[in-house]
Amino acid sequence: MSRVLHVFKYFRPQFTGEGIFVERLAPYFARLRPDLAHDVAVTATPAPADPVVPAHLSDVHYLSGPQGPASQREIAAWLARHAGRYTAVHYHTHVDRTFAGSLMLKLKGCRLVLSATLDDSIEGLLRTYRPRLRPLIRRLFGSIDQFVAISPKLFSENNRYVPARKSSLIPIGIAIPDLDAASAAAAREKLSIDPKAKMLVSVGGICARKDQMFLVRQIHALAKSHPDLLLVLVGPDVEPDYAALVRKYVADHGLERHVRFAGYSEAPWDFYRAADMMVFASHEEGFGTVVIEAMAHGLAVVARHLPGVNDVFIEHGRSGYLFTQDDAFERHVGQLLQDGELRHRIGASGRDFVAAHYDIAGIAARYLALYGFPAKDRP
């Protein structure tokens, strides 16, 4: 059986959006190409006491040791030892910074794929090296067979350094859920949410980049005219000090009945089903998967405008709203809160667009083709 290796810095049990995406791709990989096995190698997350291999993945190798994350030498040595085992290696982050392991893989005929998911386009990665090394590193990037960007912004940045034949734009994909009228009421009952509440949901690790503080401040203003308003923040405390400040603001302004901290949820589907709309204030994203997840559940979305990222799937005023100024956020949310028909119309338009462009089965097939195993050639 042929094998593909997926390489991450962080994986279970640490929070990693890209790792979760590969876990969600895995059953589609298995369905489309059952003759292909998928392993995971992790360079920074310590091995848990009882490692769990997610369904449809073959194995998870934790390279970090008691002293901390694996060193560059340890990463290169592990890749060299296993070079003959894999037909393709997909770096979901740039861990082999010396390229020593990658060159050994190439000598064994392995196909190499490197993803850009946040600020790690080739342009961004080159800036992490000393200026005098950048010409050499740029040449070493030539050993990569295919560069993947998940947004047009990252794709454009890659294309300044990468020939077109080696550059791909493959967005995040999601499973498109079936919706029924009873699911919202059932989800609210399950989550103990008042049926009469106007519920906003925001999903993401609580940190300065995601800017949940902006959201709770806006709720403070909006709740004066919408006393039944509830913001549910779904996500772990990625930056504990920042999360503490957000909670303090909620407590200091008496917003406990308007803001709920739900913690981490690997599958936040019930929160989407229960919500009236999705709000998202992040200042930087490689893509913004949680927004298209919300749209797939028929939610109207109000998101901070990230040019070349979320304006690809949010058509302002049609499938959602984009804001750059505080007053625009308050205006758009207030309008949606008051107009249920508008919420439904925008939510339906967004769901149709996501279903047409981001179905995970099609995304899985594109990755398989990139690895050299087109689904149409399945035995």
Protein backbone atom coordinates (compact mmCIF):
# COMPACT_ATOMS: atom_id res chain seq x y z
CA MET A 1 0.00 0.00 0.00
CA SER A 2 1.28 3.47 -0.90
CA ARG A 3 1.58 6.00 1.91
CA VAL A 4 1.36 9.78 2.33
CA LEU A 5 2.90 11.55 5.32
CA HIS A 6 1.28 14.71 6.74
CA VAL A 7 3.69 16.81 8.84
CA PHE A 8 2.56 19.28 11.52
CA LYS A 9 4.11 21.19 14.38
CA TYR A 10 1.00 20.76 16.52
CA PHE A 11 -1.55 17.97 16.57
CA ARG A 12 -3.73 16.21 19.10
CA PRO A 13 -4.18 16.95 21.95
CA GLN A 14 -3.18 20.55 21.16
CA PHE A 15 -5.58 22.81 19.27
CA THR A 16 -4.73 22.97 15.56
CA GLY A 17 -7.18 23.98 12.87
CA GLU A 18 -5.10 22.49 10.06
CA GLY A 19 -4.81 19.18 11.94
CA ILE A 20 -8.56 19.04 12.42
CA PHE A 21 -9.03 19.71 8.71
CA VAL A 22 -6.85 16.73 7.78
CA GLU A 23 -8.81 14.56 10.20
CA ARG A 24 -12.00 15.64 8.44
CA LEU A 25 -10.45 14.94 5.05
CA ALA A 26 -9.33 11.45 6.10
CA PRO A 27 -12.65 9.60 5.58
CA TYR A 28 -12.97 11.16 2.11
CA PHE A 29 -9.40 10.13 1.30
CA ALA A 30 -10.27 6.59 2.38
CA ARG A 31 -13.46 6.54 0.33
CA LEU A 32 -11.84 7.92 -2.84
CA ARG A 33 -8.56 6.00 -2.63
CA PRO A 34 -8.73 3.04 -0.22
CA ASP A 35 -5.39 1.85 -1.58
CA LEU A 36 -3.61 4.84 0.01
CA ALA A 37 -2.61 5.11 3.70
CA HIS A 38 -2.10 8.43 5.51
CA ASP A 39 0.34 8.88 8.42
CA VAL A 40 0.99 11.97 10.55
CA ALA A 41 4.31 13.23 11.97
CA VAL A 42 4.25 15.88 14.72
CA THR A 43 7.34 17.91 15.62
CA ALA A 44 6.29 20.10 18.58
CA THR A 45 3.31 18.60 20.44
CA PRO A 46 4.52 16.18 23.14
CA ALA A 47 3.31 12.61 22.78
CA PRO A 48 0.22 12.12 24.97
CA ALA A 49 0.20 9.33 27.56
CA ASP A 50 -2.45 7.47 25.58
CA PRO A 51 -2.05 8.48 21.92
CA VAL A 52 -5.20 8.24 19.81
CA VAL A 53 -4.96 7.70 16.06
CA PRO A 54 -7.94 9.48 14.47
CA ALA A 55 -10.23 7.41 12.29
CA HIS A 56 -9.00 6.71 8.74
CA LEU A 57 -5.42 7.77 9.56
CA SER A 58 -2.88 4.95 9.80
CA ASP A 59 -0.45 6.23 12.43
CA VAL A 60 0.65 9.34 14.34
CA HIS A 61 4.38 9.76 15.06
CA TYR A 62 5.33 12.25 17.79
CA LEU A 63 8.92 13.39 17.22
CA SER A 64 9.24 15.67 20.24
CA GLY A 65 10.95 14.32 23.35
CA PRO A 66 11.27 15.10 27.07
CA GLN A 67 13.40 18.16 26.30
CA GLY A 68 10.73 19.74 24.12
CA PRO A 69 10.03 20.04 20.38
CA ALA A 70 12.17 18.06 17.97
CA SER A 71 15.30 19.88 16.80
CA GLN A 72 16.09 20.48 13.15
CA ARG A 73 18.63 17.66 13.32
CA GLU A 74 16.07 15.27 14.81
CA ILE A 75 13.45 16.20 12.21
CA ALA A 76 15.90 15.70 9.34
CA ALA A 77 17.14 12.40 10.77
CA TRP A 78 13.59 11.03 11.20
CA LEU A 79 12.60 12.02 7.67
CA ALA A 80 15.80 10.47 6.27
CA ARG A 81 15.17 7.18 8.11
CA HIS A 82 11.64 6.96 6.73
CA ALA A 83 12.32 8.44 3.29
CA GLY A 84 11.67 5.19 1.44
CA ARG A 85 8.34 4.63 3.18
CA TYR A 86 6.34 7.48 1.64
CA THR A 87 5.29 8.33 -1.91
CA ALA A 88 4.38 11.90 -0.91
CA VAL A 89 5.03 14.14 2.08
CA HIS A 90 2.73 17.07 2.77
CA TYR A 91 4.26 19.72 5.03
CA HIS A 92 1.28 21.53 6.55
CA THR A 93 3.81 23.92 8.07
CA HIS A 94 7.47 24.62 7.30
CA VAL A 95 9.24 22.45 9.87
CA ASP A 96 12.29 21.27 7.89
CA ARG A 97 13.98 24.66 7.88
CA THR A 98 17.41 23.31 6.86
CA PHE A 99 15.85 21.26 4.00
CA ALA A 100 18.13 18.36 4.97
CA GLY A 101 15.23 15.94 5.45
CA SER A 102 13.48 17.18 2.32
CA LEU A 103 16.55 16.57 0.17
CA MET A 104 16.79 13.00 1.47
CA LEU A 105 13.12 12.49 0.63
CA LYS A 106 13.73 13.79 -2.89
CA LEU A 107 16.62 11.38 -3.36
CA LYS A 108 14.16 8.56 -2.65
CA GLY A 109 11.75 9.89 -5.27
CA CYS A 110 9.24 11.33 -2.81
CA ARG A 111 6.82 14.06 -3.93
CA LEU A 112 6.89 17.11 -1.61
CA VAL A 113 3.95 19.46 -0.96
CA LEU A 114 4.10 22.60 1.21
CA SER A 115 1.00 24.48 2.42
CA ALA A 116 0.58 28.16 3.23
CA THR A 117 -2.26 28.63 5.72
CA LEU A 118 -1.81 31.93 7.57
CA ASP A 119 1.30 34.10 7.11
CA ASP A 120 3.54 31.39 5.69
CA SER A 121 3.59 31.99 1.95
CA ILE A 122 7.05 31.70 0.41
CA GLU A 123 7.29 35.47 0.71
CA GLY A 124 6.47 35.27 4.41
CA LEU A 125 8.76 32.32 5.09
CA LEU A 126 11.76 33.96 3.42
CA ARG A 127 11.45 36.84 5.89
CA THR A 128 12.03 34.39 8.74
CA TYR A 129 15.58 33.73 7.48
CA ARG A 130 18.56 36.07 7.76
CA PRO A 131 18.92 38.28 4.66
CA ARG A 132 22.24 36.74 3.60
CA LEU A 133 20.67 33.27 3.58
CA ARG A 134 17.58 34.14 1.57
CA PRO A 135 19.04 33.55 -1.93
CA LEU A 136 20.09 30.02 -0.88
CA ILE A 137 16.77 29.31 0.85
CA ARG A 138 14.87 30.48 -2.20
CA ARG A 139 16.80 27.95 -4.29
CA LEU A 140 16.14 25.22 -1.72
CA PHE A 141 12.41 25.90 -1.96
CA GLY A 142 12.84 24.66 -5.51
CA SER A 143 13.01 21.12 -4.08
CA ILE A 144 9.29 21.37 -3.26
CA ASP A 145 7.11 19.89 -6.01
CA GLN A 146 3.88 21.73 -5.23
CA PHE A 147 2.98 24.77 -3.15
CA VAL A 148 -0.58 25.04 -1.87
CA ALA A 149 -2.26 28.26 -0.72
CA ILE A 150 -5.66 28.23 0.94
CA SER A 151 -6.61 31.81 0.02
CA PRO A 152 -6.14 34.08 -3.01
CA LYS A 153 -3.97 36.39 -0.88
CA LEU A 154 -1.50 33.61 -0.04
CA PHE A 155 -1.72 32.27 -3.60
CA SER A 156 -0.77 35.68 -4.99
CA GLU A 157 2.17 35.93 -2.55
CA ASN A 158 3.42 32.46 -3.51
CA ASN A 159 3.19 33.25 -7.20
CA ARG A 160 5.81 35.99 -6.88
CA TYR A 161 8.35 33.21 -6.26
CA VAL A 162 6.81 29.99 -7.60
CA PRO A 163 6.20 29.01 -11.26
CA ALA A 164 2.53 28.53 -12.14
CA ARG A 165 2.95 24.78 -12.72
CA LYS A 166 4.03 24.35 -9.07
CA SER A 167 1.42 26.61 -7.46
CA SER A 168 -2.11 25.61 -6.44
CA LEU A 169 -5.00 27.40 -4.77
CA ILE A 170 -7.01 24.86 -2.78
CA PRO A 171 -9.39 26.31 -0.20
CA ILE A 172 -10.52 24.63 2.98
CA GLY A 173 -13.46 22.29 2.40
CA ILE A 174 -16.34 21.40 4.68
CA ALA A 175 -19.12 18.84 4.82
CA ILE A 176 -22.38 20.51 3.81
CA PRO A 177 -24.94 19.70 6.54
CA ASP A 178 -28.57 18.77 6.06
CA LEU A 179 -30.86 21.30 7.72
CA ASP A 180 -34.30 20.80 9.18
CA ALA A 181 -36.62 23.14 11.01
CA ALA A 182 -36.48 21.19 14.27
CA SER A 183 -32.68 21.20 14.56
CA ALA A 184 -32.42 24.76 15.88
CA ALA A 185 -34.87 24.18 18.73
CA ALA A 186 -33.24 20.86 19.61
CA ALA A 187 -29.77 22.46 19.61
CA ARG A 188 -30.94 25.27 21.91
CA GLU A 189 -32.45 22.79 24.33
CA LYS A 190 -29.24 20.73 24.31
CA LEU A 191 -27.10 23.83 24.96
CA SER A 192 -29.54 25.33 27.52
CA ILE A 193 -30.13 28.47 25.47
CA ASP A 194 -33.34 30.46 25.88
CA PRO A 195 -35.58 29.85 22.83
CA LYS A 196 -36.37 33.58 22.73
CA ALA A 197 -32.74 34.77 22.78
CA LYS A 198 -31.19 36.42 19.74
CA MET A 199 -28.03 34.34 19.62
CA LEU A 200 -24.78 35.37 17.94
CA VAL A 201 -22.01 32.78 17.72
CA SER A 202 -18.28 33.31 17.18
CA VAL A 203 -15.92 30.35 16.91
CA GLY A 204 -12.15 30.50 17.41
CA GLY A 205 -9.44 30.33 20.03
CA ILE A 206 -9.61 33.30 22.39
CA CYS A 207 -6.62 35.47 21.54
CA ALA A 208 -5.76 38.99 20.45
CA ARG A 209 -5.70 38.05 16.75
CA LYS A 210 -9.30 36.80 16.88
CA ASP A 211 -10.29 39.97 18.82
CA GLN A 212 -13.13 38.67 20.97
CA MET A 213 -12.69 41.83 23.06
CA PHE A 214 -14.08 43.81 20.14
CA LEU A 215 -17.14 41.55 20.08
CA VAL A 216 -17.95 41.84 23.79
CA ARG A 217 -17.57 45.62 23.61
CA GLN A 218 -20.02 45.70 20.72
CA ILE A 219 -22.42 43.48 22.64
CA HIS A 220 -22.23 45.97 25.50
CA ALA A 221 -23.57 48.64 23.14
CA LEU A 222 -26.07 46.44 21.25
CA ALA A 223 -27.59 44.91 24.39
CA LYS A 224 -29.01 48.30 25.37
CA SER A 225 -31.48 48.11 22.49
CA HIS A 226 -31.63 44.28 22.29
CA PRO A 227 -32.09 43.00 25.85
CA ASP A 228 -32.52 39.41 24.62
CA LEU A 229 -29.09 39.39 22.91
CA LEU A 230 -26.66 36.53 23.64
CA LEU A 231 -23.12 36.16 22.28
CA VAL A 232 -21.65 32.66 22.57
CA LEU A 233 -17.86 32.47 22.23
CA VAL A 234 -16.79 28.95 21.25
CA GLY A 235 -13.08 28.26 21.58
CA PRO A 236 -10.23 27.53 24.00
CA ASP A 237 -8.17 30.14 25.84
CA VAL A 238 -5.24 30.26 23.40
CA GLU A 239 -3.81 33.33 25.18
CA PRO A 240 -4.82 33.00 28.86
CA ASP A 241 -3.90 36.60 29.79
CA TYR A 242 -5.95 38.00 26.92
CA ALA A 243 -8.86 35.66 27.71
CA ALA A 244 -8.74 36.86 31.32
CA LEU A 245 -9.07 40.47 30.14
CA VAL A 246 -12.09 39.59 28.01
CA ARG A 247 -13.76 37.84 30.95
CA LYS A 248 -12.95 40.77 33.22
CA TYR A 249 -14.59 43.18 30.79
CA VAL A 250 -17.71 41.00 30.77
CA ALA A 251 -17.81 40.90 34.58
CA ASP A 252 -17.01 44.60 35.06
CA HIS A 253 -19.84 45.65 32.72
CA GLY A 254 -22.45 43.19 33.98
CA LEU A 255 -22.64 41.30 30.68
CA GLU A 256 -22.79 37.79 32.12
CA ARG A 257 -26.27 37.14 30.78
CA HIS A 258 -25.31 38.48 27.34
CA VAL A 259 -21.96 36.68 26.85
CA ARG A 260 -21.27 32.98 27.32
CA PHE A 261 -17.84 31.32 27.13
CA ALA A 262 -18.49 27.83 25.77
CA GLY A 263 -14.89 26.57 25.64
CA TYR A 264 -13.40 24.38 22.94
CA SER A 265 -15.67 22.34 20.71
CA GLU A 266 -14.12 20.14 18.05
CA ALA A 267 -17.46 19.92 16.23
CA PRO A 268 -19.39 23.15 16.92
CA TRP A 269 -22.37 22.14 14.81
CA ASP A 270 -24.95 22.53 17.60
CA PHE A 271 -23.80 26.11 18.17
CA TYR A 272 -24.36 26.92 14.49
CA ARG A 273 -27.78 25.24 14.53
CA ALA A 274 -28.80 27.18 17.62
CA ALA A 275 -27.57 30.59 16.44
CA ASP A 276 -29.33 33.40 14.60
CA MET A 277 -26.13 34.70 13.03
CA MET A 278 -22.33 34.38 13.04
CA VAL A 279 -19.98 37.24 13.97
CA PHE A 280 -16.22 37.15 13.40
CA ALA A 281 -13.73 39.90 14.24
CA SER A 282 -10.36 38.26 13.47
CA HIS A 283 -7.64 40.56 12.12
CA GLU A 284 -5.73 37.85 10.24
CA GLU A 285 -6.76 34.51 8.76
CA GLY A 286 -5.37 32.19 6.14
CA PHE A 287 -8.95 31.37 5.21
CA GLY A 288 -11.59 31.49 7.96
CA THR A 289 -13.08 28.01 7.97
CA VAL A 290 -15.52 28.67 10.78
CA VAL A 291 -17.19 31.38 8.72
CA ILE A 292 -18.00 29.08 5.81
CA GLU A 293 -19.10 26.42 8.32
CA ALA A 294 -21.61 28.92 9.70
CA MET A 295 -22.71 29.89 6.19
CA ALA A 296 -23.23 26.21 5.32
CA HIS A 297 -25.63 26.07 8.28
CA GLY A 298 -27.63 28.91 6.74
CA LEU A 299 -26.40 31.65 9.08
CA ALA A 300 -26.03 35.25 8.03
CA VAL A 301 -22.47 36.34 8.85
CA VAL A 302 -20.90 39.65 9.82
CA ALA A 303 -17.09 39.48 9.56
CA ARG A 304 -14.16 41.85 9.60
CA HIS A 305 -13.03 42.41 6.01
CA LEU A 306 -9.79 40.57 5.22
CA PRO A 307 -8.98 41.44 1.58
CA GLY A 308 -8.14 38.44 -0.57
CA VAL A 309 -9.37 36.08 2.14
CA ASN A 310 -13.02 36.31 3.19
CA ASP A 311 -14.23 38.60 0.42
CA VAL A 312 -13.86 35.54 -1.82
CA PHE A 313 -16.84 33.85 -0.16
CA ILE A 314 -18.70 36.77 1.43
CA GLU A 315 -20.38 39.00 -1.14
CA HIS A 316 -21.16 42.09 0.91
CA GLY A 317 -24.90 42.63 1.23
CA ARG A 318 -25.77 39.38 -0.52
CA SER A 319 -24.21 36.40 1.29
CA GLY A 320 -23.08 38.31 4.39
CA TYR A 321 -21.65 41.60 5.59
CA LEU A 322 -18.02 42.75 5.78
CA PHE A 323 -16.97 45.56 8.12
CA THR A 324 -13.84 47.59 8.77
CA GLN A 325 -15.27 50.20 11.16
CA ASP A 326 -16.89 49.64 14.55
CA ASP A 327 -20.06 51.51 13.63
CA ALA A 328 -20.51 49.37 10.50
CA PHE A 329 -20.44 46.21 12.62
CA GLU A 330 -23.07 47.58 14.97
CA ARG A 331 -25.22 48.76 12.06
CA HIS A 332 -25.13 45.44 10.18
CA VAL A 333 -25.77 43.32 13.27
CA GLY A 334 -28.58 45.61 14.40
CA GLN A 335 -30.23 45.41 10.98
CA LEU A 336 -30.05 41.60 10.95
CA LEU A 337 -31.39 41.36 14.50
CA GLN A 338 -34.45 43.40 13.55
CA ASP A 339 -35.17 41.72 10.21
CA GLY A 340 -35.66 37.95 10.31
CA GLU A 341 -36.50 37.80 6.61
CA LEU A 342 -33.21 39.50 5.75
CA ARG A 343 -31.30 37.07 7.97
CA HIS A 344 -32.93 34.14 6.20
CA ARG A 345 -32.31 35.53 2.71
CA ILE A 346 -28.63 36.26 3.34
CA GLY A 347 -28.13 32.95 5.14
CA ALA A 348 -29.68 31.01 2.24
CA SER A 349 -27.52 32.82 -0.31
CA GLY A 350 -24.37 32.08 1.67
CA ARG A 351 -25.27 28.42 2.08
CA ASP A 352 -25.83 28.03 -1.66
CA PHE A 353 -22.45 29.59 -2.45
CA VAL A 354 -20.54 27.45 0.06
CA ALA A 355 -22.24 24.26 -1.11
CA ALA A 356 -21.25 25.05 -4.71
CA HIS A 357 -17.59 25.88 -4.00
CA TYR A 358 -16.34 24.32 -0.75
CA ASP A 359 -17.70 20.77 -0.52
CA ILE A 360 -15.01 18.73 1.22
CA ALA A 361 -15.31 15.70 -1.09
CA GLY A 362 -14.14 17.77 -4.04
CA ILE A 363 -11.32 19.31 -2.00
CA ALA A 364 -10.15 15.83 -0.93
CA ALA A 365 -10.03 14.74 -4.58
CA ARG A 366 -7.88 17.74 -5.45
CA TYR A 367 -5.37 16.91 -2.72
CA LEU A 368 -5.20 13.26 -3.80
CA ALA A 369 -4.40 14.37 -7.34
CA LEU A 370 -1.66 16.61 -5.93
CA TYR A 371 -0.15 13.62 -4.11
CA GLY A 372 -0.13 11.68 -7.37
CA PHE A 373 -3.22 9.55 -6.73
CA PRO A 374 -6.14 10.93 -8.76
CA ALA A 375 -9.50 9.60 -7.60
CA LYS A 376 -10.43 8.76 -11.20
CA ASP A 377 -7.49 6.31 -11.32
CA ARG A 378 -8.70 4.45 -8.26
CA PRO A 379 -8.22 0.66 -8.66
